[in-house]
Amino acid sequence: MVDLSTLNDRQLEAVRWNGGPLLVLAGPGSGKTTVLTKRIACLLEQSSSDHFRILALTFTNKAASEMRNRIEAFVPGSGNRVLLERFLHELNR
């Protein structure tokens, strides 16, 4: 089970959100990566079906790698159910 004891009230609310799409908007160092990683891990735990998969996009390879590693630590063996990659957007046309 994912440990949520280190989260503050707002972070816990975001991790447990069950009302549709969720936008996490916060400043640097506020725990956005932790919140999103724990949210993904909780969703994976709650839906044990191999047919339930998650796509998560980040802005950097470092963030994607870090989140992949954390999710695997929280929910071992979940790597085949999560695609976590860097979002690449070309501005040049």
N, C-alpha and C. Protein backbone atom coordinates (compact mmCIF):
# COMPACT_ATOMS: atom_id res chain seq x y z
N MET A 1 0.84 -1.18 0.00
CA MET A 1 0.00 0.00 0.00
C MET A 1 0.89 1.25 0.00
N VAL A 2 0.50 2.21 -0.78
CA VAL A 2 1.25 3.45 -0.91
C VAL A 2 1.12 4.26 0.38
N ASP A 3 2.25 4.71 0.92
CA ASP A 3 2.27 5.49 2.16
C ASP A 3 1.91 6.94 1.85
N LEU A 4 0.81 7.39 2.40
CA LEU A 4 0.35 8.77 2.18
C LEU A 4 0.54 9.65 3.42
N SER A 5 1.20 9.11 4.43
CA SER A 5 1.32 9.83 5.70
C SER A 5 2.19 11.08 5.62
N THR A 6 3.02 11.21 4.61
CA THR A 6 3.90 12.38 4.49
C THR A 6 3.25 13.55 3.75
N LEU A 7 2.05 13.34 3.23
CA LEU A 7 1.38 14.38 2.45
C LEU A 7 0.61 15.35 3.33
N ASN A 8 0.57 16.62 2.91
CA ASN A 8 -0.27 17.59 3.63
C ASN A 8 -1.72 17.45 3.13
N ASP A 9 -2.63 18.21 3.70
CA ASP A 9 -4.05 18.06 3.38
C ASP A 9 -4.36 18.28 1.91
N ARG A 10 -3.76 19.31 1.31
CA ARG A 10 -4.02 19.62 -0.11
C ARG A 10 -3.46 18.53 -1.01
N GLN A 11 -2.27 18.03 -0.68
CA GLN A 11 -1.67 16.96 -1.47
C GLN A 11 -2.50 15.69 -1.36
N LEU A 12 -2.95 15.39 -0.16
CA LEU A 12 -3.76 14.20 0.07
C LEU A 12 -5.07 14.28 -0.71
N GLU A 13 -5.66 15.46 -0.75
CA GLU A 13 -6.89 15.68 -1.51
C GLU A 13 -6.67 15.39 -2.99
N ALA A 14 -5.54 15.83 -3.53
CA ALA A 14 -5.23 15.59 -4.95
C ALA A 14 -4.98 14.11 -5.22
N VAL A 15 -4.27 13.44 -4.35
CA VAL A 15 -3.98 12.02 -4.54
C VAL A 15 -5.26 11.19 -4.50
N ARG A 16 -6.18 11.56 -3.63
CA ARG A 16 -7.42 10.79 -3.46
C ARG A 16 -8.56 11.27 -4.36
N TRP A 17 -8.34 12.29 -5.17
CA TRP A 17 -9.37 12.87 -6.02
C TRP A 17 -10.04 11.79 -6.86
N ASN A 18 -11.37 11.85 -6.90
CA ASN A 18 -12.12 10.85 -7.66
C ASN A 18 -13.26 11.50 -8.43
N GLY A 19 -13.10 12.77 -8.78
CA GLY A 19 -14.19 13.50 -9.42
C GLY A 19 -13.92 13.87 -10.86
N GLY A 20 -13.20 13.06 -11.61
CA GLY A 20 -12.92 13.36 -13.00
C GLY A 20 -11.51 13.91 -13.17
N PRO A 21 -11.30 14.66 -14.24
CA PRO A 21 -9.96 15.20 -14.52
C PRO A 21 -9.46 16.08 -13.36
N LEU A 22 -8.15 16.12 -13.22
CA LEU A 22 -7.53 16.86 -12.12
C LEU A 22 -6.36 17.67 -12.66
N LEU A 23 -6.32 18.95 -12.33
CA LEU A 23 -5.20 19.81 -12.67
C LEU A 23 -4.44 20.11 -11.39
N VAL A 24 -3.15 19.77 -11.40
CA VAL A 24 -2.29 20.08 -10.24
C VAL A 24 -1.42 21.26 -10.65
N LEU A 25 -1.66 22.38 -10.02
CA LEU A 25 -0.96 23.62 -10.35
C LEU A 25 -0.34 24.15 -9.07
N ALA A 26 0.99 24.18 -9.03
CA ALA A 26 1.68 24.61 -7.81
C ALA A 26 3.08 25.06 -8.17
N GLY A 27 3.70 25.79 -7.27
CA GLY A 27 5.04 26.34 -7.50
C GLY A 27 6.13 25.30 -7.33
N PRO A 28 7.37 25.72 -7.62
CA PRO A 28 8.52 24.82 -7.49
C PRO A 28 8.71 24.35 -6.05
N GLY A 29 9.05 23.08 -5.91
CA GLY A 29 9.34 22.54 -4.59
C GLY A 29 8.12 22.27 -3.73
N SER A 30 6.94 22.31 -4.32
CA SER A 30 5.72 22.14 -3.54
C SER A 30 5.25 20.69 -3.47
N GLY A 31 5.91 19.78 -4.18
CA GLY A 31 5.56 18.37 -4.11
C GLY A 31 4.69 17.87 -5.24
N LYS A 32 4.68 18.57 -6.38
CA LYS A 32 3.85 18.14 -7.51
C LYS A 32 4.22 16.74 -7.99
N THR A 33 5.51 16.48 -8.14
CA THR A 33 5.96 15.17 -8.61
C THR A 33 5.55 14.09 -7.63
N THR A 34 5.70 14.35 -6.36
CA THR A 34 5.30 13.38 -5.34
C THR A 34 3.81 13.11 -5.41
N VAL A 35 3.01 14.14 -5.53
CA VAL A 35 1.56 13.99 -5.59
C VAL A 35 1.16 13.17 -6.82
N LEU A 36 1.69 13.53 -7.98
CA LEU A 36 1.31 12.82 -9.20
C LEU A 36 1.79 11.37 -9.18
N THR A 37 2.99 11.14 -8.66
CA THR A 37 3.52 9.79 -8.58
C THR A 37 2.68 8.93 -7.64
N LYS A 38 2.33 9.47 -6.49
CA LYS A 38 1.52 8.70 -5.54
C LYS A 38 0.10 8.51 -6.06
N ARG A 39 -0.40 9.48 -6.79
CA ARG A 39 -1.74 9.33 -7.39
C ARG A 39 -1.74 8.19 -8.40
N ILE A 40 -0.75 8.15 -9.26
CA ILE A 40 -0.65 7.07 -10.25
C ILE A 40 -0.51 5.72 -9.55
N ALA A 41 0.34 5.67 -8.52
CA ALA A 41 0.54 4.42 -7.78
C ALA A 41 -0.76 3.96 -7.12
N CYS A 42 -1.51 4.88 -6.54
CA CYS A 42 -2.79 4.53 -5.91
C CYS A 42 -3.80 4.03 -6.95
N LEU A 43 -3.86 4.68 -8.10
CA LEU A 43 -4.76 4.23 -9.16
C LEU A 43 -4.41 2.82 -9.61
N LEU A 44 -3.12 2.52 -9.72
CA LEU A 44 -2.68 1.19 -10.11
C LEU A 44 -3.05 0.16 -9.05
N GLU A 45 -2.86 0.51 -7.80
CA GLU A 45 -3.22 -0.39 -6.70
C GLU A 45 -4.72 -0.68 -6.67
N GLN A 46 -5.51 0.34 -6.89
CA GLN A 46 -6.97 0.20 -6.80
C GLN A 46 -7.56 -0.56 -7.97
N SER A 47 -6.86 -0.61 -9.08
CA SER A 47 -7.35 -1.31 -10.27
C SER A 47 -6.33 -2.36 -10.66
N SER A 48 -6.49 -3.53 -10.13
CA SER A 48 -5.50 -4.58 -10.33
C SER A 48 -5.54 -5.20 -11.72
N SER A 49 -6.52 -4.86 -12.53
CA SER A 49 -6.64 -5.44 -13.87
C SER A 49 -5.48 -5.00 -14.76
N ASP A 50 -4.93 -5.95 -15.49
CA ASP A 50 -3.86 -5.62 -16.43
C ASP A 50 -4.36 -4.79 -17.60
N HIS A 51 -5.67 -4.70 -17.77
CA HIS A 51 -6.25 -3.92 -18.86
C HIS A 51 -6.29 -2.43 -18.53
N PHE A 52 -6.12 -2.07 -17.26
CA PHE A 52 -6.12 -0.67 -16.84
C PHE A 52 -4.70 -0.14 -16.98
N ARG A 53 -4.51 0.85 -17.84
CA ARG A 53 -3.18 1.40 -18.09
C ARG A 53 -3.21 2.92 -17.97
N ILE A 54 -2.03 3.49 -17.72
CA ILE A 54 -1.92 4.94 -17.52
C ILE A 54 -0.85 5.50 -18.43
N LEU A 55 -1.16 6.63 -19.06
CA LEU A 55 -0.20 7.40 -19.84
C LEU A 55 0.07 8.68 -19.07
N ALA A 56 1.33 8.94 -18.76
CA ALA A 56 1.71 10.17 -18.06
C ALA A 56 2.82 10.85 -18.86
N LEU A 57 2.71 12.14 -19.04
CA LEU A 57 3.69 12.92 -19.81
C LEU A 57 4.33 13.97 -18.91
N THR A 58 5.64 14.12 -19.07
CA THR A 58 6.38 15.13 -18.32
C THR A 58 7.09 16.05 -19.31
N PHE A 59 7.72 17.08 -18.80
CA PHE A 59 8.45 17.99 -19.67
C PHE A 59 9.93 17.64 -19.79
N THR A 60 10.44 16.77 -18.93
CA THR A 60 11.86 16.40 -19.00
C THR A 60 12.03 14.88 -18.87
N ASN A 61 13.10 14.37 -19.48
CA ASN A 61 13.44 12.95 -19.35
C ASN A 61 13.75 12.61 -17.90
N LYS A 62 14.39 13.54 -17.19
CA LYS A 62 14.76 13.31 -15.79
C LYS A 62 13.51 13.08 -14.94
N ALA A 63 12.51 13.91 -15.12
CA ALA A 63 11.27 13.76 -14.35
C ALA A 63 10.58 12.45 -14.69
N ALA A 64 10.55 12.08 -15.96
CA ALA A 64 9.92 10.83 -16.37
C ALA A 64 10.62 9.63 -15.74
N SER A 65 11.94 9.64 -15.76
CA SER A 65 12.71 8.55 -15.19
C SER A 65 12.50 8.45 -13.68
N GLU A 66 12.53 9.60 -13.02
CA GLU A 66 12.34 9.65 -11.57
C GLU A 66 10.95 9.12 -11.19
N MET A 67 9.94 9.53 -11.92
CA MET A 67 8.58 9.08 -11.62
C MET A 67 8.42 7.59 -11.90
N ARG A 68 9.00 7.10 -12.99
CA ARG A 68 8.95 5.67 -13.30
C ARG A 68 9.54 4.85 -12.15
N ASN A 69 10.70 5.28 -11.66
CA ASN A 69 11.37 4.57 -10.57
C ASN A 69 10.54 4.59 -9.29
N ARG A 70 9.95 5.73 -8.97
CA ARG A 70 9.13 5.83 -7.75
C ARG A 70 7.89 4.94 -7.84
N ILE A 71 7.24 4.96 -8.98
CA ILE A 71 6.02 4.16 -9.16
C ILE A 71 6.35 2.68 -9.04
N GLU A 72 7.45 2.26 -9.63
CA GLU A 72 7.87 0.85 -9.55
C GLU A 72 8.17 0.47 -8.10
N ALA A 73 8.73 1.39 -7.32
CA ALA A 73 9.00 1.12 -5.91
C ALA A 73 7.70 1.01 -5.10
N PHE A 74 6.71 1.86 -5.42
CA PHE A 74 5.43 1.82 -4.71
C PHE A 74 4.60 0.59 -5.09
N VAL A 75 4.59 0.28 -6.39
CA VAL A 75 3.77 -0.83 -6.90
C VAL A 75 4.66 -1.72 -7.77
N PRO A 76 5.41 -2.62 -7.15
CA PRO A 76 6.32 -3.48 -7.91
C PRO A 76 5.58 -4.26 -9.00
N GLY A 77 6.21 -4.35 -10.17
CA GLY A 77 5.63 -5.08 -11.29
C GLY A 77 4.62 -4.30 -12.10
N SER A 78 4.48 -3.02 -11.83
CA SER A 78 3.47 -2.21 -12.53
C SER A 78 4.01 -1.56 -13.80
N GLY A 79 5.28 -1.77 -14.09
CA GLY A 79 5.92 -1.10 -15.22
C GLY A 79 5.25 -1.32 -16.56
N ASN A 80 4.62 -2.48 -16.76
CA ASN A 80 3.97 -2.74 -18.03
C ASN A 80 2.59 -2.07 -18.14
N ARG A 81 2.13 -1.45 -17.06
CA ARG A 81 0.83 -0.79 -17.06
C ARG A 81 0.94 0.73 -17.12
N VAL A 82 2.17 1.25 -17.08
CA VAL A 82 2.38 2.70 -17.09
C VAL A 82 3.34 3.07 -18.21
N LEU A 83 2.93 4.02 -19.04
CA LEU A 83 3.82 4.60 -20.02
C LEU A 83 4.07 6.03 -19.57
N LEU A 84 5.29 6.30 -19.15
CA LEU A 84 5.66 7.59 -18.62
C LEU A 84 6.80 8.13 -19.46
N GLU A 85 6.53 9.13 -20.26
CA GLU A 85 7.51 9.65 -21.20
C GLU A 85 7.54 11.18 -21.18
N ARG A 86 8.56 11.71 -21.81
CA ARG A 86 8.68 13.16 -21.97
C ARG A 86 7.81 13.60 -23.13
N PHE A 87 7.07 14.66 -22.93
CA PHE A 87 6.24 15.24 -23.98
C PHE A 87 7.13 16.11 -24.84
N LEU A 88 7.13 15.84 -26.12
CA LEU A 88 7.96 16.61 -27.04
C LEU A 88 7.06 17.44 -27.94
N HIS A 89 7.24 18.72 -27.86
CA HIS A 89 6.43 19.62 -28.68
C HIS A 89 7.36 20.49 -29.51
N GLU A 90 7.26 20.36 -30.79
CA GLU A 90 8.10 21.15 -31.69
C GLU A 90 7.44 22.49 -31.98
N LEU A 91 8.15 23.56 -31.72
CA LEU A 91 7.63 24.89 -32.00
C LEU A 91 7.98 25.34 -33.41
N ASN A 92 9.02 24.76 -33.99
CA ASN A 92 9.44 25.13 -35.34
C ASN A 92 8.57 24.40 -36.37
N ARG A 93 8.10 25.14 -37.33
CA ARG A 93 7.28 24.51 -38.40
C ARG A 93 7.97 24.61 -39.71
